[in-house]
Amino acid sequence: MDIKAQTLASLSTDGKGSYGIGASAVERSEDLYAYLRITDIRDDGTLDLAGLKSVDDENASQYLLKPNDIVFARTGASTGRNYFYDGTDGDFVYAGFLIKFSIDPNKVNPKYVKYYCLSDDYRGWIHSFNTGSTRGNINAQTLGKMPIPIPPRPQQDSIVNILSSIDD
C-alpha cells in the first residue's frame, strides 16, 4: 500500500483553518442557531447535546458548519478534541475557541480524516505540543501542518466503511 503523508491544510478546500465566532453563549432557543463549544464535544468526537446553548449574533450565519467540516479545540485540557460535522446533528455555529477545516472530498475521504483525528497517532502528535505545566494550546497554522498518512482512496474507503459500521 502506497501511503503518503499530506498536511491537514492541503486536504482542505481553502488550504487553511478558520477560527469560530467570538460571541457569548445564550440560553438555548429554537429561534437562534445552536452554539457548538469545546464543552459540547466529547473525547470520542461525539456531541453532548444536553447542555447546548445558542448564539445571538448578527454574524452567526457566517460561522455555520457545513458537511465535511471538522473543528478542533484549540486551548485548555481539551486541546485537540475534535468533531466531524456531517450535517446529521442539526445546524451549528462554531465558537471562537474552535478551529475549522473544511475537508475537500476530491482530495481525501473526509471521514478518513475524521477517524485519523481520533487515533492514537493523532493524540500523540497533539500531546507533543503540551510541554511541562503549560496549558495546552494550538493554532490554525500548526494544525494545518499536521501530517496525515493518506493511503490510496480504495483503502481510505475500506477503512471508513469498517469504522462507520462499528460506529453504527
N, C-alpha and C. Protein backbone atom coordinates (compact mmCIF):
# COMPACT_ATOMS: atom_id res chain seq x y z
N MET A 1 0.85 -1.17 0.00
CA MET A 1 0.00 0.00 0.00
C MET A 1 0.90 1.23 0.00
N ASP A 2 0.63 2.16 -0.90
CA ASP A 2 1.42 3.37 -1.05
C ASP A 2 0.80 4.48 -0.20
N ILE A 3 1.42 4.74 0.96
CA ILE A 3 0.90 5.76 1.88
C ILE A 3 1.79 6.99 1.80
N LYS A 4 1.15 8.14 1.59
CA LYS A 4 1.87 9.41 1.51
C LYS A 4 1.31 10.35 2.58
N ALA A 5 2.18 11.02 3.29
CA ALA A 5 1.73 11.99 4.28
C ALA A 5 1.37 13.29 3.58
N GLN A 6 0.22 13.82 3.95
CA GLN A 6 -0.21 15.13 3.48
C GLN A 6 -0.63 15.95 4.69
N THR A 7 -0.59 17.25 4.57
CA THR A 7 -0.99 18.08 5.69
C THR A 7 -2.50 18.28 5.71
N LEU A 8 -3.00 18.58 6.89
CA LEU A 8 -4.42 18.86 7.03
C LEU A 8 -4.81 20.03 6.13
N ALA A 9 -3.98 21.07 6.09
CA ALA A 9 -4.29 22.23 5.25
C ALA A 9 -4.38 21.85 3.77
N SER A 10 -3.49 20.96 3.32
CA SER A 10 -3.50 20.58 1.90
C SER A 10 -4.73 19.75 1.55
N LEU A 11 -5.36 19.16 2.54
CA LEU A 11 -6.56 18.35 2.31
C LEU A 11 -7.85 19.17 2.43
N SER A 12 -7.71 20.43 2.80
CA SER A 12 -8.88 21.27 2.98
C SER A 12 -9.21 22.03 1.70
N THR A 13 -10.41 22.58 1.67
CA THR A 13 -10.88 23.26 0.46
C THR A 13 -10.16 24.58 0.21
N ASP A 14 -9.77 25.27 1.29
CA ASP A 14 -9.14 26.58 1.12
C ASP A 14 -7.70 26.65 1.62
N GLY A 15 -7.15 25.52 2.04
CA GLY A 15 -5.76 25.47 2.44
C GLY A 15 -5.45 26.05 3.80
N LYS A 16 -6.48 26.27 4.62
CA LYS A 16 -6.23 26.83 5.95
C LYS A 16 -7.40 26.56 6.88
N GLY A 17 -7.16 26.79 8.15
CA GLY A 17 -8.20 26.69 9.15
C GLY A 17 -8.75 28.05 9.48
N SER A 18 -9.95 28.09 10.05
CA SER A 18 -10.54 29.36 10.43
C SER A 18 -11.10 29.28 11.85
N TYR A 19 -10.99 30.39 12.55
CA TYR A 19 -11.46 30.47 13.93
C TYR A 19 -12.94 30.78 13.96
N GLY A 20 -13.60 30.28 15.00
CA GLY A 20 -15.03 30.49 15.15
C GLY A 20 -15.37 31.90 15.61
N ILE A 21 -16.66 32.12 15.79
CA ILE A 21 -17.18 33.43 16.18
C ILE A 21 -16.88 33.69 17.66
N GLY A 22 -16.49 34.91 17.95
CA GLY A 22 -16.21 35.30 19.33
C GLY A 22 -17.43 35.93 19.97
N ALA A 23 -18.43 35.14 20.22
CA ALA A 23 -19.68 35.63 20.81
C ALA A 23 -19.98 34.84 22.07
N SER A 24 -20.75 35.43 22.95
CA SER A 24 -21.15 34.76 24.17
C SER A 24 -22.31 33.81 23.90
N ALA A 25 -22.33 32.73 24.66
CA ALA A 25 -23.44 31.78 24.58
C ALA A 25 -24.64 32.37 25.33
N VAL A 26 -25.82 32.07 24.81
CA VAL A 26 -27.08 32.46 25.48
C VAL A 26 -27.91 31.20 25.68
N GLU A 27 -28.94 31.32 26.47
CA GLU A 27 -29.82 30.17 26.70
C GLU A 27 -30.33 29.62 25.38
N ARG A 28 -30.50 28.32 25.32
CA ARG A 28 -30.94 27.64 24.11
C ARG A 28 -32.31 28.16 23.68
N SER A 29 -32.40 28.48 22.39
CA SER A 29 -33.66 28.96 21.82
C SER A 29 -33.81 28.39 20.42
N GLU A 30 -34.99 27.93 20.11
CA GLU A 30 -35.26 27.40 18.77
C GLU A 30 -35.21 28.50 17.70
N ASP A 31 -35.27 29.76 18.12
CA ASP A 31 -35.22 30.89 17.20
C ASP A 31 -33.79 31.30 16.84
N LEU A 32 -32.82 30.69 17.51
CA LEU A 32 -31.41 31.02 17.29
C LEU A 32 -30.63 29.76 16.92
N TYR A 33 -29.46 29.95 16.32
CA TYR A 33 -28.60 28.81 15.99
C TYR A 33 -28.05 28.17 17.26
N ALA A 34 -27.88 26.85 17.22
CA ALA A 34 -27.18 26.16 18.28
C ALA A 34 -25.71 26.56 18.22
N TYR A 35 -25.09 26.69 19.38
CA TYR A 35 -23.72 27.18 19.50
C TYR A 35 -22.83 26.03 19.93
N LEU A 36 -21.94 25.60 19.05
CA LEU A 36 -21.04 24.49 19.35
C LEU A 36 -19.79 25.01 20.04
N ARG A 37 -19.59 24.55 21.28
CA ARG A 37 -18.45 24.96 22.09
C ARG A 37 -17.59 23.75 22.41
N ILE A 38 -16.38 23.99 22.90
CA ILE A 38 -15.48 22.90 23.26
C ILE A 38 -16.17 21.94 24.21
N THR A 39 -16.90 22.47 25.18
CA THR A 39 -17.53 21.65 26.21
C THR A 39 -18.63 20.74 25.66
N ASP A 40 -19.08 20.99 24.44
CA ASP A 40 -20.12 20.16 23.83
C ASP A 40 -19.55 18.95 23.10
N ILE A 41 -18.22 18.90 22.97
CA ILE A 41 -17.55 17.83 22.22
C ILE A 41 -16.93 16.85 23.21
N ARG A 42 -17.27 15.59 23.06
CA ARG A 42 -16.69 14.54 23.91
C ARG A 42 -15.34 14.09 23.34
N ASP A 43 -14.57 13.40 24.15
CA ASP A 43 -13.26 12.90 23.72
C ASP A 43 -13.34 11.95 22.52
N ASP A 44 -14.48 11.27 22.37
CA ASP A 44 -14.63 10.31 21.27
C ASP A 44 -15.16 10.97 19.99
N GLY A 45 -15.25 12.30 19.96
CA GLY A 45 -15.68 13.01 18.76
C GLY A 45 -17.19 13.11 18.59
N THR A 46 -17.95 12.65 19.57
CA THR A 46 -19.40 12.80 19.52
C THR A 46 -19.80 14.04 20.32
N LEU A 47 -21.07 14.40 20.21
CA LEU A 47 -21.54 15.60 20.89
C LEU A 47 -22.35 15.27 22.14
N ASP A 48 -22.21 16.12 23.14
CA ASP A 48 -23.06 16.09 24.32
C ASP A 48 -24.11 17.16 24.09
N LEU A 49 -25.28 16.76 23.67
CA LEU A 49 -26.32 17.70 23.28
C LEU A 49 -27.13 18.22 24.47
N ALA A 50 -26.89 17.67 25.66
CA ALA A 50 -27.70 18.02 26.83
C ALA A 50 -27.55 19.48 27.25
N GLY A 51 -26.37 20.03 27.15
CA GLY A 51 -26.15 21.39 27.63
C GLY A 51 -26.01 22.44 26.55
N LEU A 52 -26.53 22.14 25.36
CA LEU A 52 -26.37 23.07 24.24
C LEU A 52 -26.91 24.45 24.57
N LYS A 53 -26.18 25.44 24.08
CA LYS A 53 -26.60 26.84 24.18
C LYS A 53 -26.86 27.35 22.77
N SER A 54 -27.27 28.59 22.68
CA SER A 54 -27.48 29.24 21.39
C SER A 54 -26.52 30.42 21.29
N VAL A 55 -26.49 31.01 20.10
CA VAL A 55 -25.69 32.21 19.87
C VAL A 55 -26.61 33.26 19.25
N ASP A 56 -26.52 34.48 19.78
CA ASP A 56 -27.35 35.58 19.30
C ASP A 56 -26.41 36.68 18.80
N ASP A 57 -26.03 36.56 17.53
CA ASP A 57 -25.09 37.50 16.92
C ASP A 57 -25.48 37.67 15.46
N GLU A 58 -25.45 38.89 14.98
CA GLU A 58 -25.86 39.15 13.60
C GLU A 58 -24.97 38.47 12.57
N ASN A 59 -23.75 38.11 12.95
CA ASN A 59 -22.82 37.44 12.03
C ASN A 59 -22.82 35.92 12.17
N ALA A 60 -23.68 35.37 12.98
CA ALA A 60 -23.65 33.94 13.29
C ALA A 60 -23.71 33.06 12.04
N SER A 61 -24.52 33.43 11.07
CA SER A 61 -24.68 32.57 9.89
C SER A 61 -23.38 32.40 9.10
N GLN A 62 -22.42 33.31 9.28
CA GLN A 62 -21.13 33.19 8.59
C GLN A 62 -20.26 32.08 9.20
N TYR A 63 -20.68 31.57 10.36
CA TYR A 63 -19.90 30.56 11.07
C TYR A 63 -20.63 29.22 11.16
N LEU A 64 -21.60 29.03 10.29
CA LEU A 64 -22.32 27.75 10.27
C LEU A 64 -21.42 26.65 9.73
N LEU A 65 -21.46 25.51 10.39
CA LEU A 65 -20.72 24.35 9.88
C LEU A 65 -21.41 23.80 8.65
N LYS A 66 -20.60 23.26 7.75
CA LYS A 66 -21.10 22.60 6.54
C LYS A 66 -20.60 21.16 6.55
N PRO A 67 -21.31 20.24 5.88
CA PRO A 67 -20.83 18.86 5.83
C PRO A 67 -19.37 18.79 5.39
N ASN A 68 -18.63 17.91 6.03
CA ASN A 68 -17.20 17.65 5.83
C ASN A 68 -16.31 18.68 6.52
N ASP A 69 -16.89 19.50 7.40
CA ASP A 69 -16.08 20.37 8.25
C ASP A 69 -15.66 19.58 9.48
N ILE A 70 -14.47 19.85 9.96
CA ILE A 70 -14.01 19.28 11.21
C ILE A 70 -13.50 20.42 12.06
N VAL A 71 -13.92 20.46 13.33
CA VAL A 71 -13.49 21.52 14.23
C VAL A 71 -12.63 20.91 15.34
N PHE A 72 -11.65 21.71 15.77
CA PHE A 72 -10.69 21.29 16.78
C PHE A 72 -10.67 22.28 17.93
N ALA A 73 -10.63 21.76 19.16
CA ALA A 73 -10.43 22.61 20.32
C ALA A 73 -9.00 23.12 20.29
N ARG A 74 -8.83 24.41 20.53
CA ARG A 74 -7.50 24.99 20.38
C ARG A 74 -6.82 25.33 21.69
N THR A 75 -7.48 25.15 22.83
CA THR A 75 -6.86 25.53 24.08
C THR A 75 -7.37 24.70 25.25
N GLY A 76 -6.60 24.72 26.32
CA GLY A 76 -7.00 24.07 27.57
C GLY A 76 -6.73 22.58 27.59
N ALA A 77 -7.31 21.93 28.57
CA ALA A 77 -7.11 20.49 28.76
C ALA A 77 -7.68 19.68 27.61
N SER A 78 -8.58 20.28 26.85
CA SER A 78 -9.21 19.56 25.74
C SER A 78 -8.57 19.89 24.38
N THR A 79 -7.39 20.51 24.39
CA THR A 79 -6.71 20.85 23.13
C THR A 79 -6.66 19.63 22.21
N GLY A 80 -7.11 19.82 20.98
CA GLY A 80 -7.09 18.73 20.00
C GLY A 80 -8.38 17.94 19.91
N ARG A 81 -9.24 18.04 20.93
CA ARG A 81 -10.54 17.37 20.86
C ARG A 81 -11.21 17.86 19.60
N ASN A 82 -11.89 16.97 18.89
CA ASN A 82 -12.44 17.37 17.60
C ASN A 82 -13.79 16.73 17.32
N TYR A 83 -14.48 17.35 16.38
CA TYR A 83 -15.81 16.89 15.97
C TYR A 83 -15.92 17.05 14.46
N PHE A 84 -16.32 15.97 13.80
CA PHE A 84 -16.55 15.97 12.36
C PHE A 84 -18.03 16.19 12.11
N TYR A 85 -18.34 17.20 11.31
CA TYR A 85 -19.73 17.56 11.03
C TYR A 85 -20.17 16.96 9.70
N ASP A 86 -21.22 16.14 9.75
CA ASP A 86 -21.75 15.55 8.52
C ASP A 86 -23.16 16.06 8.20
N GLY A 87 -23.66 16.97 9.02
CA GLY A 87 -24.97 17.56 8.78
C GLY A 87 -26.12 16.88 9.48
N THR A 88 -25.89 15.73 10.11
CA THR A 88 -26.99 14.97 10.70
C THR A 88 -27.37 15.43 12.11
N ASP A 89 -26.51 16.22 12.77
CA ASP A 89 -26.78 16.63 14.15
C ASP A 89 -27.53 17.96 14.25
N GLY A 90 -27.88 18.57 13.12
CA GLY A 90 -28.54 19.86 13.14
C GLY A 90 -27.58 20.96 12.71
N ASP A 91 -28.05 22.20 12.76
CA ASP A 91 -27.23 23.34 12.38
C ASP A 91 -26.44 23.84 13.58
N PHE A 92 -25.15 24.14 13.36
CA PHE A 92 -24.30 24.65 14.43
C PHE A 92 -23.45 25.81 13.94
N VAL A 93 -23.33 26.81 14.80
CA VAL A 93 -22.35 27.88 14.66
C VAL A 93 -21.22 27.49 15.59
N TYR A 94 -19.97 27.55 15.10
CA TYR A 94 -18.85 27.11 15.94
C TYR A 94 -18.21 28.30 16.65
N ALA A 95 -17.85 28.05 17.90
CA ALA A 95 -17.35 29.08 18.80
C ALA A 95 -15.89 29.44 18.53
N GLY A 96 -15.47 30.54 19.11
CA GLY A 96 -14.14 31.10 18.89
C GLY A 96 -12.98 30.26 19.36
N PHE A 97 -13.19 29.36 20.31
CA PHE A 97 -12.09 28.50 20.75
C PHE A 97 -12.00 27.21 19.94
N LEU A 98 -12.70 27.19 18.81
CA LEU A 98 -12.62 26.07 17.88
C LEU A 98 -12.01 26.55 16.57
N ILE A 99 -11.28 25.65 15.92
CA ILE A 99 -10.69 25.93 14.61
C ILE A 99 -11.31 24.95 13.62
N LYS A 100 -11.80 25.49 12.50
CA LYS A 100 -12.48 24.67 11.50
C LYS A 100 -11.62 24.49 10.26
N PHE A 101 -11.59 23.25 9.78
CA PHE A 101 -11.02 22.93 8.47
C PHE A 101 -12.13 22.28 7.65
N SER A 102 -12.30 22.73 6.42
CA SER A 102 -13.29 22.14 5.51
C SER A 102 -12.58 21.15 4.62
N ILE A 103 -12.86 19.86 4.81
CA ILE A 103 -12.15 18.80 4.10
C ILE A 103 -12.70 18.66 2.68
N ASP A 104 -11.80 18.62 1.70
CA ASP A 104 -12.16 18.52 0.29
C ASP A 104 -12.34 17.06 -0.10
N PRO A 105 -13.58 16.64 -0.41
CA PRO A 105 -13.82 15.23 -0.75
C PRO A 105 -13.15 14.80 -2.06
N ASN A 106 -12.67 15.74 -2.86
CA ASN A 106 -11.93 15.38 -4.07
C ASN A 106 -10.48 15.01 -3.78
N LYS A 107 -10.02 15.34 -2.58
CA LYS A 107 -8.63 15.07 -2.20
C LYS A 107 -8.49 13.86 -1.27
N VAL A 108 -9.54 13.60 -0.48
CA VAL A 108 -9.49 12.54 0.53
C VAL A 108 -10.92 12.21 0.93
N ASN A 109 -11.14 11.01 1.42
CA ASN A 109 -12.43 10.69 2.02
C ASN A 109 -12.50 11.48 3.33
N PRO A 110 -13.41 12.44 3.45
CA PRO A 110 -13.44 13.28 4.65
C PRO A 110 -13.56 12.49 5.95
N LYS A 111 -14.29 11.38 5.90
CA LYS A 111 -14.43 10.59 7.12
C LYS A 111 -13.13 9.86 7.48
N TYR A 112 -12.25 9.66 6.52
CA TYR A 112 -10.93 9.11 6.83
C TYR A 112 -10.18 10.09 7.74
N VAL A 113 -10.29 11.39 7.43
CA VAL A 113 -9.66 12.41 8.27
C VAL A 113 -10.30 12.39 9.66
N LYS A 114 -11.61 12.26 9.71
CA LYS A 114 -12.32 12.16 10.99
C LYS A 114 -11.72 11.04 11.84
N TYR A 115 -11.61 9.86 11.26
CA TYR A 115 -11.12 8.72 12.03
C TYR A 115 -9.64 8.86 12.38
N TYR A 116 -8.87 9.45 11.49
CA TYR A 116 -7.46 9.67 11.83
C TYR A 116 -7.35 10.58 13.05
N CYS A 117 -8.22 11.59 13.12
CA CYS A 117 -8.17 12.55 14.22
C CYS A 117 -8.74 12.01 15.53
N LEU A 118 -9.10 10.75 15.54
CA LEU A 118 -9.48 10.05 16.76
C LEU A 118 -8.45 8.99 17.14
N SER A 119 -7.38 8.90 16.36
CA SER A 119 -6.39 7.83 16.55
C SER A 119 -5.35 8.18 17.61
N ASP A 120 -4.65 7.16 18.06
CA ASP A 120 -3.54 7.36 19.00
C ASP A 120 -2.41 8.16 18.36
N ASP A 121 -2.15 7.96 17.07
CA ASP A 121 -1.11 8.74 16.38
C ASP A 121 -1.45 10.23 16.44
N TYR A 122 -2.70 10.57 16.15
CA TYR A 122 -3.13 11.96 16.22
C TYR A 122 -2.97 12.51 17.63
N ARG A 123 -3.44 11.77 18.62
CA ARG A 123 -3.36 12.24 20.01
C ARG A 123 -1.91 12.44 20.44
N GLY A 124 -1.03 11.56 19.99
CA GLY A 124 0.39 11.71 20.29
C GLY A 124 0.95 12.98 19.67
N TRP A 125 0.54 13.27 18.44
CA TRP A 125 1.01 14.48 17.77
C TRP A 125 0.53 15.72 18.54
N ILE A 126 -0.73 15.73 18.94
CA ILE A 126 -1.27 16.86 19.71
C ILE A 126 -0.53 17.01 21.03
N HIS A 127 -0.33 15.91 21.73
CA HIS A 127 0.32 15.97 23.04
C HIS A 127 1.77 16.42 22.94
N SER A 128 2.38 16.28 21.79
CA SER A 128 3.77 16.72 21.64
C SER A 128 3.89 18.24 21.77
N PHE A 129 2.79 18.96 21.68
CA PHE A 129 2.80 20.41 21.83
C PHE A 129 2.55 20.85 23.26
N ASN A 130 2.16 19.92 24.13
CA ASN A 130 1.94 20.24 25.54
C ASN A 130 3.19 19.86 26.32
N THR A 131 3.93 20.86 26.75
CA THR A 131 5.17 20.59 27.47
C THR A 131 5.09 21.15 28.87
N GLY A 132 5.66 20.43 29.82
CA GLY A 132 5.70 20.89 31.20
C GLY A 132 4.32 21.15 31.76
N SER A 133 4.22 22.24 32.50
CA SER A 133 2.96 22.56 33.15
C SER A 133 2.17 23.61 32.38
N THR A 134 2.59 23.90 31.15
CA THR A 134 1.87 24.91 30.38
C THR A 134 0.52 24.38 29.94
N ARG A 135 -0.42 25.29 29.82
CA ARG A 135 -1.76 24.94 29.37
C ARG A 135 -1.71 24.62 27.88
N GLY A 136 -2.38 23.58 27.47
CA GLY A 136 -2.39 23.19 26.07
C GLY A 136 -2.91 24.30 25.18
N ASN A 137 -2.32 24.43 24.01
CA ASN A 137 -2.74 25.46 23.08
C ASN A 137 -2.20 25.11 21.70
N ILE A 138 -3.02 25.26 20.68
CA ILE A 138 -2.57 25.02 19.31
C ILE A 138 -3.29 26.02 18.41
N ASN A 139 -2.63 26.47 17.37
CA ASN A 139 -3.26 27.45 16.48
C ASN A 139 -3.56 26.82 15.12
N ALA A 140 -4.24 27.59 14.27
CA ALA A 140 -4.67 27.08 12.97
C ALA A 140 -3.48 26.74 12.07
N GLN A 141 -2.42 27.54 12.13
CA GLN A 141 -1.25 27.27 11.29
C GLN A 141 -0.59 25.95 11.68
N THR A 142 -0.44 25.72 12.97
CA THR A 142 0.17 24.47 13.43
C THR A 142 -0.71 23.28 13.06
N LEU A 143 -2.01 23.39 13.31
CA LEU A 143 -2.92 22.31 12.94
C LEU A 143 -2.87 22.04 11.44
N GLY A 144 -2.78 23.09 10.65
CA GLY A 144 -2.72 22.93 9.20
C GLY A 144 -1.50 22.16 8.74
N LYS A 145 -0.43 22.19 9.53
CA LYS A 145 0.81 21.48 9.18
C LYS A 145 0.80 20.02 9.66
N MET A 146 -0.26 19.62 10.35
CA MET A 146 -0.33 18.25 10.86
C MET A 146 -0.22 17.25 9.72
N PRO A 147 0.74 16.33 9.79
CA PRO A 147 0.85 15.31 8.74
C PRO A 147 -0.18 14.20 8.96
N ILE A 148 -0.83 13.82 7.89
CA ILE A 148 -1.82 12.73 7.94
C ILE A 148 -1.39 11.69 6.90
N PRO A 149 -1.20 10.44 7.32
CA PRO A 149 -0.85 9.40 6.35
C PRO A 149 -2.06 9.07 5.48
N ILE A 150 -1.89 9.22 4.17
CA ILE A 150 -3.01 9.05 3.25
C ILE A 150 -2.75 7.85 2.33
N PRO A 151 -3.47 6.75 2.56
CA PRO A 151 -3.37 5.62 1.63
C PRO A 151 -4.19 5.91 0.38
N PRO A 152 -4.09 5.08 -0.64
CA PRO A 152 -4.92 5.25 -1.84
C PRO A 152 -6.42 5.27 -1.47
N ARG A 153 -7.21 5.92 -2.27
CA ARG A 153 -8.64 6.12 -1.98
C ARG A 153 -9.38 4.81 -1.70
N PRO A 154 -9.15 3.72 -2.44
CA PRO A 154 -9.89 2.49 -2.10
C PRO A 154 -9.63 2.01 -0.67
N GLN A 155 -8.39 2.17 -0.19
CA GLN A 155 -8.09 1.78 1.20
C GLN A 155 -8.75 2.75 2.19
N GLN A 156 -8.74 4.04 1.86
CA GLN A 156 -9.44 5.01 2.72
C GLN A 156 -10.90 4.61 2.87
N ASP A 157 -11.53 4.32 1.72
CA ASP A 157 -12.95 3.98 1.73
C ASP A 157 -13.21 2.71 2.53
N SER A 158 -12.33 1.73 2.43
CA SER A 158 -12.48 0.49 3.19
C SER A 158 -12.37 0.75 4.69
N ILE A 159 -11.39 1.55 5.07
CA ILE A 159 -11.21 1.89 6.48
C ILE A 159 -12.45 2.61 7.00
N VAL A 160 -12.94 3.57 6.24
CA VAL A 160 -14.14 4.31 6.64
C VAL A 160 -15.34 3.39 6.75
N ASN A 161 -15.53 2.48 5.80
CA ASN A 161 -16.67 1.55 5.85
C ASN A 161 -16.62 0.68 7.10
N ILE A 162 -15.44 0.18 7.43
CA ILE A 162 -15.31 -0.67 8.61
C ILE A 162 -15.60 0.13 9.88
N LEU A 163 -14.95 1.28 10.02
CA LEU A 163 -15.13 2.08 11.23
C LEU A 163 -16.53 2.67 11.35
N SER A 164 -17.12 3.03 10.23
CA SER A 164 -18.50 3.55 10.26
C SER A 164 -19.48 2.48 10.71
N SER A 165 -19.24 1.23 10.27
CA SER A 165 -20.14 0.15 10.70
C SER A 165 -20.01 -0.10 12.20
N ILE A 166 -18.82 0.08 12.75
CA ILE A 166 -18.65 -0.04 14.21
C ILE A 166 -19.38 1.09 14.91
N ASP A 167 -19.25 2.32 14.37
CA ASP A 167 -19.96 3.47 14.97
C ASP A 167 -21.47 3.24 14.97
N ASP A 168 -21.98 2.70 13.85
CA ASP A 168 -23.41 2.48 13.74
C ASP A 168 -23.88 1.44 14.75
